[in-house]
Amino acid sequence: LQLAAIDAQRGNLRPDQLFHIQSTIIAVVDDLEGFPDRQP
């Protein structure tokens, strides 16, 4: 995400791309809801 934030600051990402990236991340976070936060 920091790589994406740096590209956004440089103007390499359009607003619609940023919105698409954020939507993708939110979807991934929802998909990982079933994984525990424990070291194997």
PDB file of all heavy atoms in Angstrom:
ATOM      1  N   LEU A   1       0.821  -1.212   0.000  1.00  0.00           N
ATOM      2  CA  LEU A   1       0.000   0.000   0.000  1.00  0.00           C
ATOM      3  C   LEU A   1       0.855   1.262   0.000  1.00  0.00           C
ATOM      4  O   LEU A   1       0.478   2.276  -0.590  1.00  0.00           O
ATOM      5  CB  LEU A   1      -0.927  -0.003   1.219  1.00  0.00           C
ATOM      6  CG  LEU A   1      -2.183  -0.867   1.125  1.00  0.00           C
ATOM      7  CD1 LEU A   1      -2.976  -0.778   2.409  1.00  0.00           C
ATOM      8  CD2 LEU A   1      -3.034  -0.435  -0.051  1.00  0.00           C
ATOM      9  N   GLN A   2       1.993   1.208   0.656  1.00  0.00           N
ATOM     10  CA  GLN A   2       2.874   2.378   0.646  1.00  0.00           C
ATOM     11  C   GLN A   2       3.407   2.646  -0.762  1.00  0.00           C
ATOM     12  O   GLN A   2       3.547   3.805  -1.166  1.00  0.00           O
ATOM     13  CB  GLN A   2       4.033   2.198   1.614  1.00  0.00           C
ATOM     14  CG  GLN A   2       4.814   3.493   1.829  1.00  0.00           C
ATOM     15  CD  GLN A   2       6.028   3.316   2.704  1.00  0.00           C
ATOM     16  OE1 GLN A   2       6.748   2.330   2.555  1.00  0.00           O
ATOM     17  NE2 GLN A   2       6.256   4.244   3.607  1.00  0.00           N
ATOM     18  N   LEU A   3       3.694   1.600  -1.522  1.00  0.00           N
ATOM     19  CA  LEU A   3       4.095   1.799  -2.919  1.00  0.00           C
ATOM     20  C   LEU A   3       2.988   2.502  -3.700  1.00  0.00           C
ATOM     21  O   LEU A   3       3.256   3.399  -4.515  1.00  0.00           O
ATOM     22  CB  LEU A   3       4.430   0.456  -3.568  1.00  0.00           C
ATOM     23  CG  LEU A   3       5.641  -0.304  -3.028  1.00  0.00           C
ATOM     24  CD1 LEU A   3       5.804  -1.627  -3.764  1.00  0.00           C
ATOM     25  CD2 LEU A   3       6.907   0.532  -3.174  1.00  0.00           C
ATOM     26  N   ALA A   4       1.743   2.082  -3.440  1.00  0.00           N
ATOM     27  CA  ALA A   4       0.623   2.743  -4.105  1.00  0.00           C
ATOM     28  C   ALA A   4       0.489   4.190  -3.658  1.00  0.00           C
ATOM     29  O   ALA A   4       0.208   5.082  -4.475  1.00  0.00           O
ATOM     30  CB  ALA A   4      -0.670   1.975  -3.821  1.00  0.00           C
ATOM     31  N   ALA A   5       0.701   4.457  -2.356  1.00  0.00           N
ATOM     32  CA  ALA A   5       0.606   5.831  -1.859  1.00  0.00           C
ATOM     33  C   ALA A   5       1.690   6.713  -2.472  1.00  0.00           C
ATOM     34  O   ALA A   5       1.447   7.878  -2.807  1.00  0.00           O
ATOM     35  CB  ALA A   5       0.713   5.833  -0.335  1.00  0.00           C
ATOM     36  N   ILE A   6       2.888   6.188  -2.643  1.00  0.00           N
ATOM     37  CA  ILE A   6       3.968   6.962  -3.266  1.00  0.00           C
ATOM     38  C   ILE A   6       3.633   7.268  -4.719  1.00  0.00           C
ATOM     39  O   ILE A   6       3.830   8.395  -5.200  1.00  0.00           O
ATOM     40  CB  ILE A   6       5.291   6.190  -3.147  1.00  0.00           C
ATOM     41  CG1 ILE A   6       5.720   6.097  -1.676  1.00  0.00           C
ATOM     42  CG2 ILE A   6       6.391   6.867  -3.963  1.00  0.00           C
ATOM     43  CD1 ILE A   6       6.937   5.232  -1.448  1.00  0.00           C
ATOM     44  N   ASP A   7       3.105   6.263  -5.451  1.00  0.00           N
ATOM     45  CA  ASP A   7       2.706   6.506  -6.839  1.00  0.00           C
ATOM     46  C   ASP A   7       1.578   7.525  -6.917  1.00  0.00           C
ATOM     47  O   ASP A   7       1.522   8.342  -7.847  1.00  0.00           O
ATOM     48  CB  ASP A   7       2.271   5.192  -7.488  1.00  0.00           C
ATOM     49  CG  ASP A   7       3.455   4.358  -7.941  1.00  0.00           C
ATOM     50  OD1 ASP A   7       4.582   4.898  -7.955  1.00  0.00           O
ATOM     51  OD2 ASP A   7       3.270   3.166  -8.259  1.00  0.00           O
ATOM     52  N   ALA A   8       0.655   7.482  -5.944  1.00  0.00           N
ATOM     53  CA  ALA A   8      -0.438   8.458  -5.935  1.00  0.00           C
ATOM     54  C   ALA A   8       0.092   9.867  -5.696  1.00  0.00           C
ATOM     55  O   ALA A   8      -0.368  10.834  -6.322  1.00  0.00           O
ATOM     56  CB  ALA A   8      -1.462   8.082  -4.868  1.00  0.00           C
ATOM     57  N   GLN A   9       1.081  10.020  -4.804  1.00  0.00           N
ATOM     58  CA  GLN A   9       1.665  11.330  -4.544  1.00  0.00           C
ATOM     59  C   GLN A   9       2.380  11.878  -5.780  1.00  0.00           C
ATOM     60  O   GLN A   9       2.370  13.076  -6.047  1.00  0.00           O
ATOM     61  CB  GLN A   9       2.635  11.241  -3.374  1.00  0.00           C
ATOM     62  CG  GLN A   9       3.243  12.579  -2.982  1.00  0.00           C
ATOM     63  CD  GLN A   9       4.324  12.419  -1.935  1.00  0.00           C
ATOM     64  OE1 GLN A   9       4.635  11.310  -1.539  1.00  0.00           O
ATOM     65  NE2 GLN A   9       4.905  13.530  -1.508  1.00  0.00           N
ATOM     66  N   ARG A  10       2.985  10.977  -6.558  1.00  0.00           N
ATOM     67  CA  ARG A  10       3.675  11.403  -7.779  1.00  0.00           C
ATOM     68  C   ARG A  10       2.717  11.693  -8.922  1.00  0.00           C
ATOM     69  O   ARG A  10       3.132  12.195  -9.964  1.00  0.00           O
ATOM     70  CB  ARG A  10       4.654  10.319  -8.224  1.00  0.00           C
ATOM     71  CG  ARG A  10       5.799  10.077  -7.248  1.00  0.00           C
ATOM     72  CD  ARG A  10       6.594   8.858  -7.672  1.00  0.00           C
ATOM     73  NE  ARG A  10       7.729   8.618  -6.786  1.00  0.00           N
ATOM     74  CZ  ARG A  10       8.487   7.518  -6.838  1.00  0.00           C
ATOM     75  NH1 ARG A  10       8.225   6.582  -7.742  1.00  0.00           N
ATOM     76  NH2 ARG A  10       9.486   7.362  -6.000  1.00  0.00           N
ATOM     77  N   GLY A  11       1.460  11.355  -8.766  1.00  0.00           N
ATOM     78  CA  GLY A  11       0.490  11.568  -9.830  1.00  0.00           C
ATOM     79  C   GLY A  11       0.422  10.448 -10.834  1.00  0.00           C
ATOM     80  O   GLY A  11      -0.147  10.624 -11.919  1.00  0.00           O
ATOM     81  N   ASN A  12       0.976   9.272 -10.501  1.00  0.00           N
ATOM     82  CA  ASN A  12       0.968   8.147 -11.433  1.00  0.00           C
ATOM     83  C   ASN A  12      -0.329   7.355 -11.400  1.00  0.00           C
ATOM     84  O   ASN A  12      -0.545   6.502 -12.270  1.00  0.00           O
ATOM     85  CB  ASN A  12       2.135   7.200 -11.124  1.00  0.00           C
ATOM     86  CG  ASN A  12       3.481   7.868 -11.323  1.00  0.00           C
ATOM     87  OD1 ASN A  12       3.615   8.790 -12.119  1.00  0.00           O
ATOM     88  ND2 ASN A  12       4.483   7.410 -10.584  1.00  0.00           N
ATOM     89  N   LEU A  13      -1.177   7.607 -10.400  1.00  0.00           N
ATOM     90  CA  LEU A  13      -2.437   6.884 -10.282  1.00  0.00           C
ATOM     91  C   LEU A  13      -3.606   7.862 -10.367  1.00  0.00           C
ATOM     92  O   LEU A  13      -3.596   8.911  -9.718  1.00  0.00           O
ATOM     93  CB  LEU A  13      -2.502   6.114  -8.957  1.00  0.00           C
ATOM     94  CG  LEU A  13      -1.477   4.995  -8.758  1.00  0.00           C
ATOM     95  CD1 LEU A  13      -1.626   4.386  -7.366  1.00  0.00           C
ATOM     96  CD2 LEU A  13      -1.637   3.924  -9.816  1.00  0.00           C
ATOM     97  N   ARG A  14      -4.573   7.509 -11.172  1.00  0.00           N
ATOM     98  CA  ARG A  14      -5.768   8.331 -11.297  1.00  0.00           C
ATOM     99  C   ARG A  14      -6.694   8.102 -10.105  1.00  0.00           C
ATOM    100  O   ARG A  14      -6.585   7.073  -9.422  1.00  0.00           O
ATOM    101  CB  ARG A  14      -6.502   8.004 -12.597  1.00  0.00           C
ATOM    102  CG  ARG A  14      -5.672   8.187 -13.846  1.00  0.00           C
ATOM    103  CD  ARG A  14      -6.547   7.980 -15.088  1.00  0.00           C
ATOM    104  NE  ARG A  14      -7.241   6.715 -15.046  1.00  0.00           N
ATOM    105  CZ  ARG A  14      -6.726   5.570 -15.510  1.00  0.00           C
ATOM    106  NH1 ARG A  14      -5.515   5.555 -16.033  1.00  0.00           N
ATOM    107  NH2 ARG A  14      -7.424   4.451 -15.442  1.00  0.00           N
ATOM    108  N   PRO A  15      -7.617   9.023  -9.848  1.00  0.00           N
ATOM    109  CA  PRO A  15      -8.548   8.828  -8.725  1.00  0.00           C
ATOM    110  C   PRO A  15      -9.358   7.546  -8.837  1.00  0.00           C
ATOM    111  O   PRO A  15      -9.607   6.871  -7.829  1.00  0.00           O
ATOM    112  CB  PRO A  15      -9.447  10.065  -8.797  1.00  0.00           C
ATOM    113  CG  PRO A  15      -8.595  11.107  -9.461  1.00  0.00           C
ATOM    114  CD  PRO A  15      -7.749  10.368 -10.440  1.00  0.00           C
ATOM    115  N   ASP A  16      -9.778   7.193 -10.056  1.00  0.00           N
ATOM    116  CA  ASP A  16     -10.546   5.957 -10.188  1.00  0.00           C
ATOM    117  C   ASP A  16      -9.686   4.727  -9.892  1.00  0.00           C
ATOM    118  O   ASP A  16     -10.175   3.728  -9.343  1.00  0.00           O
ATOM    119  CB  ASP A  16     -11.139   5.864 -11.589  1.00  0.00           C
ATOM    120  CG  ASP A  16     -10.060   5.847 -12.668  1.00  0.00           C
ATOM    121  OD1 ASP A  16      -9.113   6.644 -12.581  1.00  0.00           O
ATOM    122  OD2 ASP A  16     -10.161   5.018 -13.598  1.00  0.00           O
ATOM    123  N   GLN A  17      -8.381   4.793 -10.215  1.00  0.00           N
ATOM    124  CA  GLN A  17      -7.495   3.685  -9.877  1.00  0.00           C
ATOM    125  C   GLN A  17      -7.326   3.556  -8.367  1.00  0.00           C
ATOM    126  O   GLN A  17      -7.317   2.437  -7.830  1.00  0.00           O
ATOM    127  CB  GLN A  17      -6.137   3.878 -10.553  1.00  0.00           C
ATOM    128  CG  GLN A  17      -6.153   3.681 -12.055  1.00  0.00           C
ATOM    129  CD  GLN A  17      -4.785   3.913 -12.669  1.00  0.00           C
ATOM    130  OE1 GLN A  17      -4.149   4.951 -12.455  1.00  0.00           O
ATOM    131  NE2 GLN A  17      -4.316   2.950 -13.444  1.00  0.00           N
ATOM    132  N   LEU A  18      -7.189   4.693  -7.692  1.00  0.00           N
ATOM    133  CA  LEU A  18      -7.065   4.657  -6.238  1.00  0.00           C
ATOM    134  C   LEU A  18      -8.318   4.075  -5.595  1.00  0.00           C
ATOM    135  O   LEU A  18      -8.236   3.267  -4.650  1.00  0.00           O
ATOM    136  CB  LEU A  18      -6.798   6.060  -5.704  1.00  0.00           C
ATOM    137  CG  LEU A  18      -5.413   6.645  -6.014  1.00  0.00           C
ATOM    138  CD1 LEU A  18      -5.350   8.112  -5.601  1.00  0.00           C
ATOM    139  CD2 LEU A  18      -4.340   5.856  -5.284  1.00  0.00           C
ATOM    140  N   PHE A  19      -9.468   4.469  -6.095  1.00  0.00           N
ATOM    141  CA  PHE A  19     -10.714   3.922  -5.560  1.00  0.00           C
ATOM    142  C   PHE A  19     -10.784   2.412  -5.818  1.00  0.00           C
ATOM    143  O   PHE A  19     -11.215   1.641  -4.953  1.00  0.00           O
ATOM    144  CB  PHE A  19     -11.907   4.631  -6.200  1.00  0.00           C
ATOM    145  CG  PHE A  19     -13.241   4.085  -5.767  1.00  0.00           C
ATOM    146  CD1 PHE A  19     -13.783   4.419  -4.532  1.00  0.00           C
ATOM    147  CD2 PHE A  19     -13.944   3.216  -6.591  1.00  0.00           C
ATOM    148  CE1 PHE A  19     -15.002   3.911  -4.129  1.00  0.00           C
ATOM    149  CE2 PHE A  19     -15.168   2.704  -6.198  1.00  0.00           C
ATOM    150  CZ  PHE A  19     -15.699   3.057  -4.967  1.00  0.00           C
ATOM    151  N   HIS A  20     -10.345   1.989  -7.002  1.00  0.00           N
ATOM    152  CA  HIS A  20     -10.348   0.564  -7.339  1.00  0.00           C
ATOM    153  C   HIS A  20      -9.389  -0.205  -6.435  1.00  0.00           C
ATOM    154  O   HIS A  20      -9.700  -1.311  -5.978  1.00  0.00           O
ATOM    155  CB  HIS A  20      -9.951   0.393  -8.804  1.00  0.00           C
ATOM    156  CG  HIS A  20     -10.326  -0.936  -9.373  1.00  0.00           C
ATOM    157  ND1 HIS A  20     -11.582  -1.485  -9.266  1.00  0.00           N
ATOM    158  CD2 HIS A  20      -9.589  -1.859 -10.058  1.00  0.00           C
ATOM    159  CE1 HIS A  20     -11.616  -2.661  -9.855  1.00  0.00           C
ATOM    160  NE2 HIS A  20     -10.408  -2.916 -10.347  1.00  0.00           N
ATOM    161  N   ILE A  21      -8.208   0.382  -6.150  1.00  0.00           N
ATOM    162  CA  ILE A  21      -7.238  -0.277  -5.268  1.00  0.00           C
ATOM    163  C   ILE A  21      -7.804  -0.421  -3.870  1.00  0.00           C
ATOM    164  O   ILE A  21      -7.707  -1.490  -3.237  1.00  0.00           O
ATOM    165  CB  ILE A  21      -5.915   0.516  -5.251  1.00  0.00           C
ATOM    166  CG1 ILE A  21      -5.192   0.374  -6.595  1.00  0.00           C
ATOM    167  CG2 ILE A  21      -5.007   0.044  -4.119  1.00  0.00           C
ATOM    168  CD1 ILE A  21      -3.964   1.249  -6.719  1.00  0.00           C
ATOM    169  N   GLN A  22      -8.414   0.641  -3.360  1.00  0.00           N
ATOM    170  CA  GLN A  22      -8.973   0.586  -2.012  1.00  0.00           C
ATOM    171  C   GLN A  22     -10.105  -0.438  -1.937  1.00  0.00           C
ATOM    172  O   GLN A  22     -10.201  -1.196  -0.957  1.00  0.00           O
ATOM    173  CB  GLN A  22      -9.488   1.963  -1.602  1.00  0.00           C
ATOM    174  CG  GLN A  22     -10.080   1.995  -0.202  1.00  0.00           C
ATOM    175  CD  GLN A  22     -10.272   3.413   0.305  1.00  0.00           C
ATOM    176  OE1 GLN A  22      -9.365   4.231   0.247  1.00  0.00           O
ATOM    177  NE2 GLN A  22     -11.469   3.702   0.788  1.00  0.00           N
ATOM    178  N   SER A  23     -10.925  -0.509  -2.959  1.00  0.00           N
ATOM    179  CA  SER A  23     -12.009  -1.499  -2.962  1.00  0.00           C
ATOM    180  C   SER A  23     -11.452  -2.913  -2.973  1.00  0.00           C
ATOM    181  O   SER A  23     -11.978  -3.805  -2.297  1.00  0.00           O
ATOM    182  CB  SER A  23     -12.912  -1.276  -4.181  1.00  0.00           C
ATOM    183  OG  SER A  23     -13.457   0.025  -4.180  1.00  0.00           O
ATOM    184  N   THR A  24     -10.377  -3.123  -3.738  1.00  0.00           N
ATOM    185  CA  THR A  24      -9.759  -4.450  -3.786  1.00  0.00           C
ATOM    186  C   THR A  24      -9.198  -4.836  -2.421  1.00  0.00           C
ATOM    187  O   THR A  24      -9.355  -5.978  -1.965  1.00  0.00           O
ATOM    188  CB  THR A  24      -8.650  -4.479  -4.847  1.00  0.00           C
ATOM    189  OG1 THR A  24      -9.193  -4.096  -6.112  1.00  0.00           O
ATOM    190  CG2 THR A  24      -8.037  -5.862  -4.954  1.00  0.00           C
ATOM    191  N   ILE A  25      -8.541  -3.885  -1.753  1.00  0.00           N
ATOM    192  CA  ILE A  25      -7.964  -4.167  -0.437  1.00  0.00           C
ATOM    193  C   ILE A  25      -9.066  -4.489   0.571  1.00  0.00           C
ATOM    194  O   ILE A  25      -8.952  -5.445   1.365  1.00  0.00           O
ATOM    195  CB  ILE A  25      -7.129  -2.977   0.050  1.00  0.00           C
ATOM    196  CG1 ILE A  25      -5.916  -2.797  -0.845  1.00  0.00           C
ATOM    197  CG2 ILE A  25      -6.682  -3.181   1.488  1.00  0.00           C
ATOM    198  CD1 ILE A  25      -4.962  -3.970  -0.828  1.00  0.00           C
ATOM    199  N   ILE A  26     -10.139  -3.728   0.551  1.00  0.00           N
ATOM    200  CA  ILE A  26     -11.243  -3.994   1.477  1.00  0.00           C
ATOM    201  C   ILE A  26     -11.819  -5.392   1.233  1.00  0.00           C
ATOM    202  O   ILE A  26     -12.133  -6.137   2.177  1.00  0.00           O
ATOM    203  CB  ILE A  26     -12.333  -2.925   1.334  1.00  0.00           C
ATOM    204  CG1 ILE A  26     -11.768  -1.540   1.712  1.00  0.00           C
ATOM    205  CG2 ILE A  26     -13.532  -3.255   2.203  1.00  0.00           C
ATOM    206  CD1 ILE A  26     -11.295  -1.435   3.139  1.00  0.00           C
ATOM    207  N   ALA A  27     -11.921  -5.773  -0.045  1.00  0.00           N
ATOM    208  CA  ALA A  27     -12.433  -7.106  -0.362  1.00  0.00           C
ATOM    209  C   ALA A  27     -11.489  -8.193   0.146  1.00  0.00           C
ATOM    210  O   ALA A  27     -11.931  -9.232   0.660  1.00  0.00           O
ATOM    211  CB  ALA A  27     -12.636  -7.239  -1.873  1.00  0.00           C
ATOM    212  N   VAL A  28     -10.172  -7.976   0.019  1.00  0.00           N
ATOM    213  CA  VAL A  28      -9.200  -8.961   0.496  1.00  0.00           C
ATOM    214  C   VAL A  28      -9.265  -9.074   2.014  1.00  0.00           C
ATOM    215  O   VAL A  28      -9.213 -10.177   2.581  1.00  0.00           O
ATOM    216  CB  VAL A  28      -7.784  -8.589   0.027  1.00  0.00           C
ATOM    217  CG1 VAL A  28      -6.736  -9.485   0.685  1.00  0.00           C
ATOM    218  CG2 VAL A  28      -7.685  -8.702  -1.487  1.00  0.00           C
ATOM    219  N   VAL A  29      -9.375  -7.935   2.699  1.00  0.00           N
ATOM    220  CA  VAL A  29      -9.472  -7.958   4.163  1.00  0.00           C
ATOM    221  C   VAL A  29     -10.709  -8.739   4.597  1.00  0.00           C
ATOM    222  O   VAL A  29     -10.662  -9.533   5.546  1.00  0.00           O
ATOM    223  CB  VAL A  29      -9.489  -6.520   4.718  1.00  0.00           C
ATOM    224  CG1 VAL A  29      -9.794  -6.524   6.208  1.00  0.00           C
ATOM    225  CG2 VAL A  29      -8.151  -5.834   4.460  1.00  0.00           C
ATOM    226  N   ASP A  30     -11.811  -8.549   3.903  1.00  0.00           N
ATOM    227  CA  ASP A  30     -13.017  -9.316   4.232  1.00  0.00           C
ATOM    228  C   ASP A  30     -12.806 -10.808   3.988  1.00  0.00           C
ATOM    229  O   ASP A  30     -13.287 -11.649   4.769  1.00  0.00           O
ATOM    230  CB  ASP A  30     -14.196  -8.809   3.397  1.00  0.00           C
ATOM    231  CG  ASP A  30     -14.623  -7.401   3.799  1.00  0.00           C
ATOM    232  OD1 ASP A  30     -14.290  -6.989   4.930  1.00  0.00           O
ATOM    233  OD2 ASP A  30     -15.263  -6.715   2.979  1.00  0.00           O
ATOM    234  N   ASP A  31     -12.074 -11.150   2.912  1.00  0.00           N
ATOM    235  CA  ASP A  31     -11.834 -12.568   2.618  1.00  0.00           C
ATOM    236  C   ASP A  31     -10.949 -13.228   3.670  1.00  0.00           C
ATOM    237  O   ASP A  31     -11.044 -14.444   3.888  1.00  0.00           O
ATOM    238  CB  ASP A  31     -11.180 -12.716   1.244  1.00  0.00           C
ATOM    239  CG  ASP A  31     -12.142 -12.394   0.112  1.00  0.00           C
ATOM    240  OD1 ASP A  31     -13.360 -12.431   0.350  1.00  0.00           O
ATOM    241  OD2 ASP A  31     -11.676 -12.095  -1.009  1.00  0.00           O
ATOM    242  N   LEU A  32     -10.059 -12.453   4.303  1.00  0.00           N
ATOM    243  CA  LEU A  32      -9.143 -13.011   5.296  1.00  0.00           C
ATOM    244  C   LEU A  32      -9.716 -12.988   6.707  1.00  0.00           C
ATOM    245  O   LEU A  32      -8.988 -13.205   7.671  1.00  0.00           O
ATOM    246  CB  LEU A  32      -7.821 -12.234   5.270  1.00  0.00           C
ATOM    247  CG  LEU A  32      -7.051 -12.267   3.948  1.00  0.00           C
ATOM    248  CD1 LEU A  32      -5.773 -11.459   4.061  1.00  0.00           C
ATOM    249  CD2 LEU A  32      -6.739 -13.701   3.544  1.00  0.00           C
ATOM    250  N   GLU A  33     -11.005 -12.756   6.824  1.00  0.00           N
ATOM    251  CA  GLU A  33     -11.630 -12.672   8.141  1.00  0.00           C
ATOM    252  C   GLU A  33     -11.513 -13.995   8.896  1.00  0.00           C
ATOM    253  O   GLU A  33     -11.401 -14.022  10.124  1.00  0.00           O
ATOM    254  CB  GLU A  33     -13.108 -12.287   7.980  1.00  0.00           C
ATOM    255  CG  GLU A  33     -13.877 -12.167   9.281  1.00  0.00           C
ATOM    256  CD  GLU A  33     -13.348 -11.045  10.159  1.00  0.00           C
ATOM    257  OE1 GLU A  33     -12.900 -10.015   9.613  1.00  0.00           O
ATOM    258  OE2 GLU A  33     -13.383 -11.205  11.400  1.00  0.00           O
ATOM    259  N   GLY A  34     -11.502 -15.105   8.186  1.00  0.00           N
ATOM    260  CA  GLY A  34     -11.473 -16.391   8.859  1.00  0.00           C
ATOM    261  C   GLY A  34     -10.107 -16.838   9.336  1.00  0.00           C
ATOM    262  O   GLY A  34     -10.008 -17.886   9.997  1.00  0.00           O
ATOM    263  N   PHE A  35      -9.048 -16.104   9.055  1.00  0.00           N
ATOM    264  CA  PHE A  35      -7.700 -16.500   9.470  1.00  0.00           C
ATOM    265  C   PHE A  35      -7.394 -15.915  10.850  1.00  0.00           C
ATOM    266  O   PHE A  35      -7.571 -14.715  11.077  1.00  0.00           O
ATOM    267  CB  PHE A  35      -6.660 -16.007   8.468  1.00  0.00           C
ATOM    268  CG  PHE A  35      -6.672 -16.762   7.172  1.00  0.00           C
ATOM    269  CD1 PHE A  35      -7.524 -16.389   6.144  1.00  0.00           C
ATOM    270  CD2 PHE A  35      -5.845 -17.851   6.978  1.00  0.00           C
ATOM    271  CE1 PHE A  35      -7.551 -17.075   4.950  1.00  0.00           C
ATOM    272  CE2 PHE A  35      -5.858 -18.555   5.786  1.00  0.00           C
ATOM    273  CZ  PHE A  35      -6.707 -18.163   4.766  1.00  0.00           C
ATOM    274  N   PRO A  36      -6.906 -16.733  11.778  1.00  0.00           N
ATOM    275  CA  PRO A  36      -6.562 -16.206  13.110  1.00  0.00           C
ATOM    276  C   PRO A  36      -5.245 -15.441  13.066  1.00  0.00           C
ATOM    277  O   PRO A  36      -4.391 -15.681  12.212  1.00  0.00           O
ATOM    278  CB  PRO A  36      -6.432 -17.474  13.957  1.00  0.00           C
ATOM    279  CG  PRO A  36      -5.991 -18.518  12.981  1.00  0.00           C
ATOM    280  CD  PRO A  36      -6.667 -18.186  11.681  1.00  0.00           C
ATOM    281  N   ASP A  37      -5.108 -14.523  14.006  1.00  0.00           N
ATOM    282  CA  ASP A  37      -3.850 -13.771  14.114  1.00  0.00           C
ATOM    283  C   ASP A  37      -2.936 -14.486  15.089  1.00  0.00           C
ATOM    284  O   ASP A  37      -2.628 -13.987  16.179  1.00  0.00           O
ATOM    285  CB  ASP A  37      -4.142 -12.334  14.567  1.00  0.00           C
ATOM    286  CG  ASP A  37      -2.877 -11.485  14.550  1.00  0.00           C
ATOM    287  OD1 ASP A  37      -1.957 -11.806  13.772  1.00  0.00           O
ATOM    288  OD2 ASP A  37      -2.800 -10.505  15.321  1.00  0.00           O
ATOM    289  N   ARG A  38      -2.488 -15.658  14.704  1.00  0.00           N
ATOM    290  CA  ARG A  38      -1.589 -16.464  15.516  1.00  0.00           C
ATOM    291  C   ARG A  38      -0.479 -17.012  14.642  1.00  0.00           C
ATOM    292  O   ARG A  38      -0.713 -17.374  13.497  1.00  0.00           O
ATOM    293  CB  ARG A  38      -2.328 -17.635  16.180  1.00  0.00           C
ATOM    294  CG  ARG A  38      -3.408 -17.209  17.155  1.00  0.00           C
ATOM    295  CD  ARG A  38      -2.828 -16.545  18.375  1.00  0.00           C
ATOM    296  NE  ARG A  38      -3.865 -16.132  19.320  1.00  0.00           N
ATOM    297  CZ  ARG A  38      -3.659 -15.311  20.336  1.00  0.00           C
ATOM    298  NH1 ARG A  38      -2.451 -14.810  20.523  1.00  0.00           N
ATOM    299  NH2 ARG A  38      -4.649 -14.984  21.150  1.00  0.00           N
ATOM    300  N   GLN A  39       0.710 -17.063  15.212  1.00  0.00           N
ATOM    301  CA  GLN A  39       1.815 -17.680  14.491  1.00  0.00           C
ATOM    302  C   GLN A  39       1.564 -19.181  14.402  1.00  0.00           C
ATOM    303  O   GLN A  39       1.185 -19.808  15.397  1.00  0.00           O
ATOM    304  CB  GLN A  39       3.137 -17.412  15.223  1.00  0.00           C
ATOM    305  CG  GLN A  39       4.382 -17.693  14.400  1.00  0.00           C
ATOM    306  CD  GLN A  39       4.651 -16.617  13.380  1.00  0.00           C
ATOM    307  OE1 GLN A  39       4.019 -15.573  13.412  1.00  0.00           O
ATOM    308  NE2 GLN A  39       5.590 -16.862  12.482  1.00  0.00           N
ATOM    309  N   PRO A  40       1.732 -19.794  13.214  1.00  0.00           N
ATOM    310  CA  PRO A  40       1.546 -21.249  13.111  1.00  0.00           C
ATOM    311  C   PRO A  40       2.422 -21.992  14.105  1.00  0.00           C
ATOM    312  O   PRO A  40       3.551 -21.576  14.383  1.00  0.00           O
ATOM    313  CB  PRO A  40       1.954 -21.543  11.658  1.00  0.00           C
ATOM    314  CG  PRO A  40       1.702 -20.260  10.937  1.00  0.00           C
ATOM    315  CD  PRO A  40       2.020 -19.177  11.920  1.00  0.00           C
TER     316      PRO A  40
END
